[in-house]
């Protein structure tokens, strides 16, 4: 949740790779990002292309509205 840029996905990708190696996981764990801030929406293209693990994305409308100071 609250993915704001490709850096968040890169970090998670590395963490998952380490865990998969440590526990001999053979099927890659995929990522579903939730965009809940204006920054995340602005960076949607970079987020989508940040890792082959990317499986999907969703919008979090309540937090997104709050980040834009909307009622």
Protein backbone atom coordinates (compact mmCIF):
# COMPACT_ATOMS: atom_id res chain seq x y z
CA UNK A 1 0.00 0.00 0.00
CA UNK A 2 0.88 3.67 -0.52
CA UNK A 3 3.36 3.01 -3.31
CA UNK A 4 4.74 6.39 -4.33
CA UNK A 5 7.40 5.53 -6.86
CA UNK A 6 9.47 2.87 -8.57
CA UNK A 7 11.88 2.99 -5.60
CA UNK A 8 9.23 1.34 -3.41
CA UNK A 9 8.86 -1.52 -5.89
CA UNK A 10 12.64 -1.90 -6.33
CA UNK A 11 13.06 -2.22 -2.56
CA UNK A 12 10.29 -4.80 -2.27
CA UNK A 13 11.61 -6.71 -5.30
CA UNK A 14 15.03 -7.08 -3.63
CA UNK A 15 13.47 -8.11 -0.32
CA UNK A 16 11.32 -10.75 -1.99
CA UNK A 17 14.29 -12.09 -3.96
CA UNK A 18 16.24 -12.54 -0.72
CA UNK A 19 13.33 -14.28 0.99
CA UNK A 20 12.72 -16.56 -2.01
CA UNK A 21 16.40 -17.54 -2.05
CA UNK A 22 16.52 -18.12 1.72
CA UNK A 23 13.42 -20.32 1.71
CA UNK A 24 13.97 -22.01 -1.67
CA UNK A 25 10.78 -20.58 -3.16
CA UNK A 26 10.70 -21.58 -6.81
CA UNK A 27 7.65 -19.63 -8.00
CA UNK A 28 8.22 -15.84 -7.89
CA UNK A 29 6.07 -13.84 -5.49
CA UNK A 30 4.17 -11.16 -7.42
CA UNK A 31 3.40 -7.57 -6.40
CA UNK A 32 0.08 -5.73 -6.48
CA UNK A 33 0.64 -2.02 -5.80
CA UNK A 34 -1.98 0.22 -4.24
CA UNK A 35 -1.74 3.87 -5.32
CA UNK A 36 -3.06 5.99 -2.46
CA UNK A 37 -1.27 9.32 -2.94
CA UNK A 38 -1.01 11.96 -5.66
CA UNK A 39 2.71 11.13 -5.93
CA UNK A 40 1.91 7.49 -6.66
CA UNK A 41 -0.57 8.42 -9.39
CA UNK A 42 1.97 10.83 -10.91
CA UNK A 43 4.54 8.01 -11.06
CA UNK A 44 2.15 5.29 -12.32
CA UNK A 45 4.16 4.53 -15.49
CA UNK A 46 7.44 4.09 -13.60
CA UNK A 47 5.74 1.96 -10.95
CA UNK A 48 4.15 -0.29 -13.57
CA UNK A 49 7.54 -0.94 -15.20
CA UNK A 50 9.61 -1.18 -12.01
CA UNK A 51 9.76 -4.98 -11.77
CA UNK A 52 8.77 -8.13 -13.63
CA UNK A 53 6.98 -9.07 -10.39
CA UNK A 54 4.33 -6.39 -11.00
CA UNK A 55 1.00 -8.17 -11.22
CA UNK A 56 -1.42 -5.28 -10.91
CA UNK A 57 -2.30 -1.91 -9.42
CA UNK A 58 -5.32 -0.43 -7.69
CA UNK A 59 -6.35 3.02 -6.56
CA UNK A 60 -7.12 3.71 -2.92
CA UNK A 61 -9.73 6.45 -3.37
CA UNK A 62 -10.12 7.60 0.25
CA UNK A 63 -6.39 8.05 0.93
CA UNK A 64 -5.89 9.52 -2.56
CA UNK A 65 -8.59 12.12 -1.90
CA UNK A 66 -7.02 12.92 1.47
CA UNK A 67 -3.58 13.39 -0.11
CA UNK A 68 -5.16 15.94 -2.49
CA UNK A 69 -6.98 17.69 0.38
CA UNK A 70 -10.33 16.76 -1.18
CA UNK A 71 -13.52 16.29 0.79
